[in-house]
């Protein structure tokens, strides 16, 4: 039995679909039972649980051989790191109680650092708490999500500009959520033979200008990458709807990424999905 969190999201849905296609028994965790209907129709079990409820989460993990765990971002929170403490704690309690044979945790490049990495600091803590349970843990540290560029689709469409908090002219590791879900499913199928750490990037690295070119190709008009300098990052994020502490965290993450502080500890595994394919899906 494989238990999958985040089945309504980009990565969890791919994990669950991949395992079901392989003929495996799957239980998905959803917050709303109505969102489980599509999975029931595909033959999956459905467990309803909030990820900060250790008791409900423990019941959802009962009998699991493998678990796909994640700590979803609380974008509406005043303090994201504080909001995620109950979730990481609940995961640790639930895993310690249910004792699955293997957990794959969606983590991030930079999660080896305890601080100075913005919201990724929460994943550093999640890795430590799950490792302390003694259950076999595979940390799936992913690059910058290609789908994050979707937040910049509107100005690309309306004004032909792609605002970028990544440094112009410099290649950065990015990965599609489809690759994350596929690799997570493969790790779950490996079980206890899976590596302790998988670092995952896309098939190649991209500059913001190359991403802008991909938008231009889909939109049929030139799109130019526009640099958002560090002093402008927090105001821009707040204008986009982030609360002040949240904006500060994401600005810190982007600066750390641009400064080379968030880097691979080894050689990353390469995915299959390129940014052109992701941009086509974003633009629709």
Foldseek 3Di string as FASTA:
>chain_A
DEEFEPCVDLQRVLLLVVCLVVVHAYEYEDQDVVVCPVVVVSPYHYQHDDLLDLVSLLVSCAPAQEYEDEQDFPQPDLARLVVRVSNLVSVLSSCLNRVHQEYEYEAAQVLCDCDLQFPNNSVVVSLVSNVVSVHQYEYEHEFAELLVQLLQLVCCQVPQEREDLADAPDWGFYAYSSQVNVVSNVQVVCRSVHDNYAYETAQGTDGVQVLSVLLCVLNVHHHYYDYQDLVRQLVVVVVVPGHNNNSVRVSSNSVCRNVVVRDDPDDHDYGYDDSSVSSNVSVD
